[in-house]
Amino acid sequence: MSHDPVENNAAETSDAVESITPYIPFIIPLAGAVMMFILAFIAVTMA
């Protein structure tokens, strides 16, 4: 049991979540702004 498969997986590819993580402070407020605009548009349309 001298072979450790965990070491090989770390060097293969980068994780998709880790590549997106730096952009989260920009994505969450932008998504919130879009959601508020959509909800306001729906409210004005129904009024």
C-alpha atoms as a PDB file:
ATOM      1  CA  MET A   1       0.000   0.000   0.000  1.00  0.00           C
ATOM      2  CA  SER A   2       2.725   2.467  -0.877  1.00  0.00           C
ATOM      3  CA  HIS A   3       0.556   4.117  -3.542  1.00  0.00           C
ATOM      4  CA  ASP A   4      -1.678   6.949  -2.313  1.00  0.00           C
ATOM      5  CA  PRO A   5      -4.445   7.764  -4.865  1.00  0.00           C
ATOM      6  CA  VAL A   6      -5.337  11.036  -3.138  1.00  0.00           C
ATOM      7  CA  GLU A   7      -2.013  12.632  -4.094  1.00  0.00           C
ATOM      8  CA  ASN A   8      -2.571  11.935  -7.791  1.00  0.00           C
ATOM      9  CA  ASN A   9      -6.070  13.440  -7.842  1.00  0.00           C
ATOM     10  CA  ALA A  10      -4.834  16.760  -6.452  1.00  0.00           C
ATOM     11  CA  ALA A  11      -2.431  17.293  -9.346  1.00  0.00           C
ATOM     12  CA  GLU A  12      -4.791  16.267 -12.163  1.00  0.00           C
ATOM     13  CA  THR A  13      -7.257  19.131 -12.590  1.00  0.00           C
ATOM     14  CA  SER A  14      -8.485  22.160 -10.712  1.00  0.00           C
ATOM     15  CA  ASP A  15     -11.909  21.999  -9.132  1.00  0.00           C
ATOM     16  CA  ALA A  16     -14.734  23.895 -10.868  1.00  0.00           C
ATOM     17  CA  VAL A  17     -15.909  25.396  -7.581  1.00  0.00           C
ATOM     18  CA  GLU A  18     -12.419  26.665  -6.773  1.00  0.00           C
ATOM     19  CA  SER A  19     -12.205  28.408 -10.143  1.00  0.00           C
ATOM     20  CA  ILE A  20     -15.504  30.276  -9.534  1.00  0.00           C
ATOM     21  CA  THR A  21     -14.874  31.200  -5.883  1.00  0.00           C
ATOM     22  CA  PRO A  22     -12.931  34.476  -6.526  1.00  0.00           C
ATOM     23  CA  TYR A  23     -15.892  35.874  -8.486  1.00  0.00           C
ATOM     24  CA  ILE A  24     -18.522  35.244  -5.794  1.00  0.00           C
ATOM     25  CA  PRO A  25     -18.355  38.799  -4.307  1.00  0.00           C
ATOM     26  CA  PHE A  26     -19.359  40.130  -7.742  1.00  0.00           C
ATOM     27  CA  ILE A  27     -21.842  37.442  -8.764  1.00  0.00           C
ATOM     28  CA  ILE A  28     -24.071  37.500  -5.653  1.00  0.00           C
ATOM     29  CA  PRO A  29     -24.828  41.274  -5.663  1.00  0.00           C
ATOM     30  CA  LEU A  30     -25.293  41.214  -9.429  1.00  0.00           C
ATOM     31  CA  ALA A  31     -27.760  38.340  -9.132  1.00  0.00           C
ATOM     32  CA  GLY A  32     -29.574  40.250  -6.369  1.00  0.00           C
ATOM     33  CA  ALA A  33     -29.856  43.348  -8.531  1.00  0.00           C
ATOM     34  CA  VAL A  34     -31.219  41.343 -11.449  1.00  0.00           C
ATOM     35  CA  MET A  35     -33.712  39.612  -9.143  1.00  0.00           C
ATOM     36  CA  MET A  36     -34.935  42.949  -7.735  1.00  0.00           C
ATOM     37  CA  PHE A  37     -35.357  44.346 -11.250  1.00  0.00           C
ATOM     38  CA  ILE A  38     -37.334  41.300 -12.363  1.00  0.00           C
ATOM     39  CA  LEU A  39     -39.577  41.386  -9.281  1.00  0.00           C
ATOM     40  CA  ALA A  40     -40.175  45.139  -9.664  1.00  0.00           C
ATOM     41  CA  PHE A  41     -41.011  44.639 -13.343  1.00  0.00           C
ATOM     42  CA  ILE A  42     -43.537  41.931 -12.439  1.00  0.00           C
ATOM     43  CA  ALA A  43     -45.084  44.127  -9.723  1.00  0.00           C
ATOM     44  CA  VAL A  44     -45.453  47.112 -12.083  1.00  0.00           C
ATOM     45  CA  THR A  45     -46.884  44.916 -14.825  1.00  0.00           C
ATOM     46  CA  MET A  46     -49.506  43.409 -12.514  1.00  0.00           C
ATOM     47  CA  ALA A  47     -50.479  46.769 -10.965  1.00  0.00           C
END
